Amino acid sequence: MYQNSGCVCGDAPQCFSALTFRPAPSDYVLDTGDATLLLWRSSKLDRSGPPARLIINAKPGRRGGFALENLFESMFVVVDEQS
């Protein structure tokens, strides 16, 4: 997963395959507590440092974009973020 700072989907996380995702030099991985899920985050989102807690939910719908979740007519949203 990747949370970017803009583009088509704003700051909503997107899901990419490991073969298609290319992180930028300033992107970093958040600790998800699950070694099978990597959550990359754009450092451009961190004006006051990385979040202490980040909750991501999925809901029905479709965003304009190229992420894998569009294949399943669902999208990821940030429910709660606290620094």
PDB file of N, CA and C in Angstrom:
ATOM      1  N   MET A   1       0.844  -1.171   0.000  1.00  0.00           N
ATOM      2  CA  MET A   1       0.000   0.000   0.000  1.00  0.00           C
ATOM      3  C   MET A   1       0.891   1.235   0.000  1.00  0.00           C
ATOM      4  N   TYR A   2       0.344   2.316  -0.519  1.00  0.00           N
ATOM      5  CA  TYR A   2       1.092   3.566  -0.589  1.00  0.00           C
ATOM      6  C   TYR A   2       0.174   4.739  -0.302  1.00  0.00           C
ATOM      7  N   GLN A   3       0.585   5.596   0.608  1.00  0.00           N
ATOM      8  CA  GLN A   3      -0.145   6.829   0.878  1.00  0.00           C
ATOM      9  C   GLN A   3       0.681   7.980   0.338  1.00  0.00           C
ATOM     10  N   ASN A   4       0.135   8.623  -0.671  1.00  0.00           N
ATOM     11  CA  ASN A   4       0.829   9.691  -1.371  1.00  0.00           C
ATOM     12  C   ASN A   4       0.318  11.046  -0.894  1.00  0.00           C
ATOM     13  N   SER A   5       0.940  12.083  -1.380  1.00  0.00           N
ATOM     14  CA  SER A   5       0.544  13.428  -0.956  1.00  0.00           C
ATOM     15  C   SER A   5      -0.271  14.162  -2.005  1.00  0.00           C
ATOM     16  N   GLY A   6      -0.801  13.474  -2.955  1.00  0.00           N
ATOM     17  CA  GLY A   6      -1.592  14.174  -3.957  1.00  0.00           C
ATOM     18  C   GLY A   6      -1.918  13.309  -5.141  1.00  0.00           C
ATOM     19  N   CYS A   7      -1.996  13.910  -6.302  1.00  0.00           N
ATOM     20  CA  CYS A   7      -2.301  13.242  -7.553  1.00  0.00           C
ATOM     21  C   CYS A   7      -3.793  12.960  -7.647  1.00  0.00           C
ATOM     22  N   VAL A   8      -4.175  11.889  -8.285  1.00  0.00           N
ATOM     23  CA  VAL A   8      -5.572  11.590  -8.570  1.00  0.00           C
ATOM     24  C   VAL A   8      -6.378  11.314  -7.301  1.00  0.00           C
ATOM     25  N   CYS A   9      -5.822  10.590  -6.367  1.00  0.00           N
ATOM     26  CA  CYS A   9      -6.578  10.140  -5.198  1.00  0.00           C
ATOM     27  C   CYS A   9      -6.260  10.934  -3.935  1.00  0.00           C
ATOM     28  N   GLY A  10      -5.630  12.076  -4.046  1.00  0.00           N
ATOM     29  CA  GLY A  10      -5.308  12.843  -2.850  1.00  0.00           C
ATOM     30  C   GLY A  10      -4.384  12.079  -1.942  1.00  0.00           C
ATOM     31  N   ASP A  11      -4.690  12.043  -0.642  1.00  0.00           N
ATOM     32  CA  ASP A  11      -3.824  11.317   0.288  1.00  0.00           C
ATOM     33  C   ASP A  11      -4.404   9.958   0.664  1.00  0.00           C
ATOM     34  N   ALA A  12      -5.406   9.476  -0.066  1.00  0.00           N
ATOM     35  CA  ALA A  12      -5.976   8.157   0.203  1.00  0.00           C
ATOM     36  C   ALA A  12      -4.968   7.084  -0.182  1.00  0.00           C
ATOM     37  N   PRO A  13      -4.781   6.071   0.669  1.00  0.00           N
ATOM     38  CA  PRO A  13      -3.848   4.990   0.335  1.00  0.00           C
ATOM     39  C   PRO A  13      -4.304   4.223  -0.901  1.00  0.00           C
ATOM     40  N   GLN A  14      -3.338   3.746  -1.649  1.00  0.00           N
ATOM     41  CA  GLN A  14      -3.606   2.928  -2.821  1.00  0.00           C
ATOM     42  C   GLN A  14      -2.838   1.619  -2.686  1.00  0.00           C
ATOM     43  N   CYS A  15      -3.332   0.595  -3.363  1.00  0.00           N
ATOM     44  CA  CYS A  15      -2.720  -0.726  -3.308  1.00  0.00           C
ATOM     45  C   CYS A  15      -2.043  -1.022  -4.645  1.00  0.00           C
ATOM     46  N   PHE A  16      -0.763  -1.366  -4.578  1.00  0.00           N
ATOM     47  CA  PHE A  16       0.008  -1.694  -5.769  1.00  0.00           C
ATOM     48  C   PHE A  16       0.679  -3.046  -5.584  1.00  0.00           C
ATOM     49  N   SER A  17       0.956  -3.707  -6.680  1.00  0.00           N
ATOM     50  CA  SER A  17       1.735  -4.945  -6.580  1.00  0.00           C
ATOM     51  C   SER A  17       3.195  -4.567  -6.350  1.00  0.00           C
ATOM     52  N   ALA A  18       3.930  -5.467  -5.747  1.00  0.00           N
ATOM     53  CA  ALA A  18       5.351  -5.205  -5.474  1.00  0.00           C
ATOM     54  C   ALA A  18       6.135  -4.991  -6.762  1.00  0.00           C
ATOM     55  N   LEU A  19       5.666  -5.563  -7.853  1.00  0.00           N
ATOM     56  CA  LEU A  19       6.372  -5.436  -9.128  1.00  0.00           C
ATOM     57  C   LEU A  19       6.148  -4.083  -9.799  1.00  0.00           C
ATOM     58  N   THR A  20       5.033  -3.420  -9.494  1.00  0.00           N
ATOM     59  CA  THR A  20       4.724  -2.169 -10.175  1.00  0.00           C
ATOM     60  C   THR A  20       5.020  -0.919  -9.350  1.00  0.00           C
ATOM     61  N   PHE A  21       5.170  -1.068  -8.041  1.00  0.00           N
ATOM     62  CA  PHE A  21       5.381   0.107  -7.192  1.00  0.00           C
ATOM     63  C   PHE A  21       6.857   0.469  -7.126  1.00  0.00           C
ATOM     64  N   ARG A  22       7.143   1.728  -7.334  1.00  0.00           N
ATOM     65  CA  ARG A  22       8.506   2.239  -7.237  1.00  0.00           C
ATOM     66  C   ARG A  22       8.518   3.424  -6.278  1.00  0.00           C
ATOM     67  N   PRO A  23       8.974   3.223  -5.041  1.00  0.00           N
ATOM     68  CA  PRO A  23       8.977   4.325  -4.081  1.00  0.00           C
ATOM     69  C   PRO A  23       9.980   5.411  -4.461  1.00  0.00           C
ATOM     70  N   ALA A  24       9.667   6.626  -4.071  1.00  0.00           N
ATOM     71  CA  ALA A  24      10.589   7.746  -4.249  1.00  0.00           C
ATOM     72  C   ALA A  24      11.662   7.672  -3.164  1.00  0.00           C
ATOM     73  N   PRO A  25      12.794   8.313  -3.352  1.00  0.00           N
ATOM     74  CA  PRO A  25      13.860   8.276  -2.339  1.00  0.00           C
ATOM     75  C   PRO A  25      13.415   8.787  -0.969  1.00  0.00           C
ATOM     76  N   SER A  26      12.441   9.696  -0.926  1.00  0.00           N
ATOM     77  CA  SER A  26      11.998  10.241   0.358  1.00  0.00           C
ATOM     78  C   SER A  26      10.823   9.476   0.970  1.00  0.00           C
ATOM     79  N   ASP A  27      10.303   8.441   0.297  1.00  0.00           N
ATOM     80  CA  ASP A  27       9.232   7.616   0.849  1.00  0.00           C
ATOM     81  C   ASP A  27       9.795   6.669   1.902  1.00  0.00           C
ATOM     82  N   TYR A  28       8.936   6.259   2.836  1.00  0.00           N
ATOM     83  CA  TYR A  28       9.386   5.349   3.887  1.00  0.00           C
ATOM     84  C   TYR A  28       8.269   4.370   4.247  1.00  0.00           C
ATOM     85  N   VAL A  29       8.614   3.293   4.950  1.00  0.00           N
ATOM     86  CA  VAL A  29       7.656   2.260   5.337  1.00  0.00           C
ATOM     87  C   VAL A  29       7.239   2.475   6.786  1.00  0.00           C
ATOM     88  N   LEU A  30       5.920   2.451   7.047  1.00  0.00           N
ATOM     89  CA  LEU A  30       5.400   2.505   8.408  1.00  0.00           C
ATOM     90  C   LEU A  30       5.334   1.094   8.975  1.00  0.00           C
ATOM     91  N   ASP A  31       5.498   0.959  10.266  1.00  0.00           N
ATOM     92  CA  ASP A  31       5.368  -0.336  10.926  1.00  0.00           C
ATOM     93  C   ASP A  31       3.888  -0.684  11.033  1.00  0.00           C
ATOM     94  N   THR A  32       3.465  -1.736  10.354  1.00  0.00           N
ATOM     95  CA  THR A  32       2.060  -2.142  10.379  1.00  0.00           C
ATOM     96  C   THR A  32       1.796  -3.261  11.384  1.00  0.00           C
ATOM     97  N   GLY A  33       2.853  -3.859  11.928  1.00  0.00           N
ATOM     98  CA  GLY A  33       2.673  -4.994  12.821  1.00  0.00           C
ATOM     99  C   GLY A  33       2.392  -6.282  12.071  1.00  0.00           C
ATOM    100  N   ASP A  34       2.419  -6.227  10.747  1.00  0.00           N
ATOM    101  CA  ASP A  34       2.141  -7.385   9.905  1.00  0.00           C
ATOM    102  C   ASP A  34       3.190  -7.417   8.795  1.00  0.00           C
ATOM    103  N   ALA A  35       4.065  -8.389   8.842  1.00  0.00           N
ATOM    104  CA  ALA A  35       5.167  -8.461   7.881  1.00  0.00           C
ATOM    105  C   ALA A  35       4.688  -8.694   6.445  1.00  0.00           C
ATOM    106  N   THR A  36       3.436  -9.121   6.260  1.00  0.00           N
ATOM    107  CA  THR A  36       2.938  -9.366   4.910  1.00  0.00           C
ATOM    108  C   THR A  36       2.357  -8.106   4.266  1.00  0.00           C
ATOM    109  N   LEU A  37       2.205  -7.032   5.045  1.00  0.00           N
ATOM    110  CA  LEU A  37       1.648  -5.784   4.522  1.00  0.00           C
ATOM    111  C   LEU A  37       2.648  -4.648   4.707  1.00  0.00           C
ATOM    112  N   LEU A  38       3.077  -4.083   3.608  1.00  0.00           N
ATOM    113  CA  LEU A  38       3.958  -2.923   3.662  1.00  0.00           C
ATOM    114  C   LEU A  38       3.133  -1.681   3.361  1.00  0.00           C
ATOM    115  N   LEU A  39       3.226  -0.697   4.222  1.00  0.00           N
ATOM    116  CA  LEU A  39       2.554   0.578   3.989  1.00  0.00           C
ATOM    117  C   LEU A  39       3.621   1.638   3.795  1.00  0.00           C
ATOM    118  N   TRP A  40       3.809   2.006   2.554  1.00  0.00           N
ATOM    119  CA  TRP A  40       4.741   3.071   2.203  1.00  0.00           C
ATOM    120  C   TRP A  40       4.016   4.395   2.340  1.00  0.00           C
ATOM    121  N   ARG A  41       4.740   5.421   2.731  1.00  0.00           N
ATOM    122  CA  ARG A  41       4.141   6.738   2.940  1.00  0.00           C
ATOM    123  C   ARG A  41       5.070   7.809   2.373  1.00  0.00           C
ATOM    124  N   SER A  42       4.471   8.802   1.738  1.00  0.00           N
ATOM    125  CA  SER A  42       5.239   9.927   1.225  1.00  0.00           C
ATOM    126  C   SER A  42       5.626  10.837   2.378  1.00  0.00           C
ATOM    127  N   SER A  43       6.886  11.186   2.465  1.00  0.00           N
ATOM    128  CA  SER A  43       7.332  12.072   3.536  1.00  0.00           C
ATOM    129  C   SER A  43       6.745  13.474   3.385  1.00  0.00           C
ATOM    130  N   LYS A  44       6.204  13.795   2.219  1.00  0.00           N
ATOM    131  CA  LYS A  44       5.570  15.095   1.998  1.00  0.00           C
ATOM    132  C   LYS A  44       4.324  15.277   2.865  1.00  0.00           C
ATOM    133  N   LEU A  45       3.767  14.166   3.377  1.00  0.00           N
ATOM    134  CA  LEU A  45       2.587  14.242   4.240  1.00  0.00           C
ATOM    135  C   LEU A  45       2.946  14.610   5.681  1.00  0.00           C
ATOM    136  N   ASP A  46       4.205  14.582   6.023  1.00  0.00           N
ATOM    137  CA  ASP A  46       4.634  14.683   7.417  1.00  0.00           C
ATOM    138  C   ASP A  46       5.180  16.063   7.772  1.00  0.00           C
ATOM    139  N   ARG A  47       4.329  17.050   7.762  1.00  0.00           N
ATOM    140  CA  ARG A  47       4.777  18.395   8.133  1.00  0.00           C
ATOM    141  C   ARG A  47       5.230  18.456   9.589  1.00  0.00           C
ATOM    142  N   SER A  48       4.563  17.700  10.450  1.00  0.00           N
ATOM    143  CA  SER A  48       4.930  17.694  11.867  1.00  0.00           C
ATOM    144  C   SER A  48       5.447  16.330  12.320  1.00  0.00           C
ATOM    145  N   GLY A  49       5.986  15.554  11.404  1.00  0.00           N
ATOM    146  CA  GLY A  49       6.520  14.231  11.717  1.00  0.00           C
ATOM    147  C   GLY A  49       5.548  13.138  11.333  1.00  0.00           C
ATOM    148  N   PRO A  50       6.010  11.892  11.333  1.00  0.00           N
ATOM    149  CA  PRO A  50       5.146  10.766  10.971  1.00  0.00           C
ATOM    150  C   PRO A  50       4.011  10.601  11.980  1.00  0.00           C
ATOM    151  N   PRO A  51       2.897  10.009  11.557  1.00  0.00           N
ATOM    152  CA  PRO A  51       1.761   9.839  12.469  1.00  0.00           C
ATOM    153  C   PRO A  51       2.067   8.838  13.572  1.00  0.00           C
ATOM    154  N   ALA A  52       1.518   9.097  14.752  1.00  0.00           N
ATOM    155  CA  ALA A  52       1.630   8.137  15.848  1.00  0.00           C
ATOM    156  C   ALA A  52       0.693   6.960  15.611  1.00  0.00           C
ATOM    157  N   ARG A  53      -0.443   7.249  14.973  1.00  0.00           N
ATOM    158  CA  ARG A  53      -1.436   6.212  14.674  1.00  0.00           C
ATOM    159  C   ARG A  53      -2.101   6.567  13.362  1.00  0.00           C
ATOM    160  N   LEU A  54      -2.286   5.571  12.538  1.00  0.00           N
ATOM    161  CA  LEU A  54      -2.933   5.765  11.247  1.00  0.00           C
ATOM    162  C   LEU A  54      -3.906   4.609  11.041  1.00  0.00           C
ATOM    163  N   ILE A  55      -5.182   4.919  10.915  1.00  0.00           N
ATOM    164  CA  ILE A  55      -6.203   3.892  10.722  1.00  0.00           C
ATOM    165  C   ILE A  55      -6.719   4.007   9.292  1.00  0.00           C
ATOM    166  N   ILE A  56      -6.664   2.895   8.576  1.00  0.00           N
ATOM    167  CA  ILE A  56      -7.116   2.862   7.183  1.00  0.00           C
ATOM    168  C   ILE A  56      -8.294   1.901   7.088  1.00  0.00           C
ATOM    169  N   ASN A  57      -9.335   2.330   6.422  1.00  0.00           N
ATOM    170  CA  ASN A  57     -10.525   1.519   6.256  1.00  0.00           C
ATOM    171  C   ASN A  57     -10.767   1.325   4.764  1.00  0.00           C
ATOM    172  N   ALA A  58     -11.574   0.354   4.420  1.00  0.00           N
ATOM    173  CA  ALA A  58     -11.976   0.133   3.032  1.00  0.00           C
ATOM    174  C   ALA A  58     -13.480   0.303   2.946  1.00  0.00           C
ATOM    175  N   LYS A  59     -13.937   0.868   1.836  1.00  0.00           N
ATOM    176  CA  LYS A  59     -15.380   1.013   1.640  1.00  0.00           C
ATOM    177  C   LYS A  59     -15.692   0.835   0.162  1.00  0.00           C
ATOM    178  N   PRO A  60     -16.954   0.498  -0.146  1.00  0.00           N
ATOM    179  CA  PRO A  60     -17.334   0.348  -1.548  1.00  0.00           C
ATOM    180  C   PRO A  60     -17.215   1.681  -2.278  1.00  0.00           C
ATOM    181  N   GLY A  61     -16.858   1.609  -3.524  1.00  0.00           N
ATOM    182  CA  GLY A  61     -16.747   2.805  -4.337  1.00  0.00           C
ATOM    183  C   GLY A  61     -15.538   2.712  -5.235  1.00  0.00           C
ATOM    184  N   ARG A  62     -15.342   3.748  -5.993  1.00  0.00           N
ATOM    185  CA  ARG A  62     -14.233   3.739  -6.946  1.00  0.00           C
ATOM    186  C   ARG A  62     -13.629   5.131  -7.022  1.00  0.00           C
ATOM    187  N   ARG A  63     -12.329   5.200  -6.918  1.00  0.00           N
ATOM    188  CA  ARG A  63     -11.615   6.446  -7.117  1.00  0.00           C
ATOM    189  C   ARG A  63     -11.015   6.417  -8.520  1.00  0.00           C
ATOM    190  N   GLY A  64     -10.765   7.564  -9.060  1.00  0.00           N
ATOM    191  CA  GLY A  64     -10.055   7.601 -10.325  1.00  0.00           C
ATOM    192  C   GLY A  64      -8.587   7.337 -10.048  1.00  0.00           C
ATOM    193  N   GLY A  65      -8.033   6.359 -10.670  1.00  0.00           N
ATOM    194  CA  GLY A  65      -6.631   6.054 -10.423  1.00  0.00           C
ATOM    195  C   GLY A  65      -6.237   4.728 -11.024  1.00  0.00           C
ATOM    196  N   PHE A  66      -5.030   4.318 -10.702  1.00  0.00           N
ATOM    197  CA  PHE A  66      -4.475   3.116 -11.309  1.00  0.00           C
ATOM    198  C   PHE A  66      -4.176   2.031 -10.284  1.00  0.00           C
ATOM    199  N   ALA A  67      -4.656   2.168  -9.075  1.00  0.00           N
ATOM    200  CA  ALA A  67      -4.349   1.218  -8.021  1.00  0.00           C
ATOM    201  C   ALA A  67      -5.174  -0.065  -8.168  1.00  0.00           C
ATOM    202  N   LEU A  68      -4.685  -1.144  -7.557  1.00  0.00           N
ATOM    203  CA  LEU A  68      -5.329  -2.450  -7.686  1.00  0.00           C
ATOM    204  C   LEU A  68      -6.729  -2.504  -7.095  1.00  0.00           C
ATOM    205  N   GLU A  69      -7.016  -1.698  -6.058  1.00  0.00           N
ATOM    206  CA  GLU A  69      -8.335  -1.785  -5.442  1.00  0.00           C
ATOM    207  C   GLU A  69      -9.448  -1.405  -6.413  1.00  0.00           C
ATOM    208  N   ASN A  70      -9.147  -0.674  -7.475  1.00  0.00           N
ATOM    209  CA  ASN A  70     -10.171  -0.330  -8.458  1.00  0.00           C
ATOM    210  C   ASN A  70     -10.725  -1.567  -9.158  1.00  0.00           C
ATOM    211  N   LEU A  71      -9.951  -2.638  -9.197  1.00  0.00           N
ATOM    212  CA  LEU A  71     -10.435  -3.882  -9.799  1.00  0.00           C
ATOM    213  C   LEU A  71     -11.580  -4.490  -8.993  1.00  0.00           C
ATOM    214  N   PHE A  72     -11.671  -4.143  -7.714  1.00  0.00           N
ATOM    215  CA  PHE A  72     -12.656  -4.736  -6.816  1.00  0.00           C
ATOM    216  C   PHE A  72     -13.748  -3.746  -6.413  1.00  0.00           C
ATOM    217  N   GLU A  73     -13.810  -2.592  -7.120  1.00  0.00           N
ATOM    218  CA  GLU A  73     -14.817  -1.569  -6.833  1.00  0.00           C
ATOM    219  C   GLU A  73     -14.825  -1.195  -5.350  1.00  0.00           C
ATOM    220  N   SER A  74     -13.651  -1.010  -4.788  1.00  0.00           N
ATOM    221  CA  SER A  74     -13.524  -0.572  -3.408  1.00  0.00           C
ATOM    222  C   SER A  74     -12.398   0.441  -3.323  1.00  0.00           C
ATOM    223  N   MET A  75     -12.366   1.184  -2.219  1.00  0.00           N
ATOM    224  CA  MET A  75     -11.309   2.171  -2.057  1.00  0.00           C
ATOM    225  C   MET A  75     -10.899   2.251  -0.599  1.00  0.00           C
ATOM    226  N   PHE A  76      -9.675   2.671  -0.393  1.00  0.00           N
ATOM    227  CA  PHE A  76      -9.152   2.847   0.953  1.00  0.00           C
ATOM    228  C   PHE A  76      -9.315   4.304   1.357  1.00  0.00           C
ATOM    229  N   VAL A  77      -9.639   4.512   2.624  1.00  0.00           N
ATOM    230  CA  VAL A  77      -9.753   5.859   3.169  1.00  0.00           C
ATOM    231  C   VAL A  77      -9.046   5.918   4.512  1.00  0.00           C
ATOM    232  N   VAL A  78      -8.489   7.069   4.841  1.00  0.00           N
ATOM    233  CA  VAL A  78      -7.894   7.279   6.145  1.00  0.00           C
ATOM    234  C   VAL A  78      -9.018   7.675   7.091  1.00  0.00           C
ATOM    235  N   VAL A  79      -9.232   6.851   8.132  1.00  0.00           N
ATOM    236  CA  VAL A  79     -10.323   7.086   9.070  1.00  0.00           C
ATOM    237  C   VAL A  79      -9.883   8.056  10.155  1.00  0.00           C
ATOM    238  N   ASP A  80      -8.669   7.877  10.660  1.00  0.00           N
ATOM    239  CA  ASP A  80      -8.233   8.679  11.783  1.00  0.00           C
ATOM    240  C   ASP A  80      -6.707   8.785  11.745  1.00  0.00           C
ATOM    241  N   GLU A  81      -6.206   9.956  11.892  1.00  0.00           N
ATOM    242  CA  GLU A  81      -4.745  10.147  11.915  1.00  0.00           C
ATOM    243  C   GLU A  81      -4.434  11.091  13.053  1.00  0.00           C
ATOM    244  N   GLN A  82      -3.532  10.659  13.938  1.00  0.00           N
ATOM    245  CA  GLN A  82      -3.134  11.512  15.058  1.00  0.00           C
ATOM    246  C   GLN A  82      -1.640  11.592  15.123  1.00  0.00           C
ATOM    247  N   SER A  83      -1.114  12.783  15.309  1.00  0.00           N
ATOM    248  CA  SER A  83       0.333  12.964  15.430  1.00  0.00           C
ATOM    249  C   SER A  83       0.712  12.936  16.888  1.00  0.00           C
TER     250      SER A  83
END
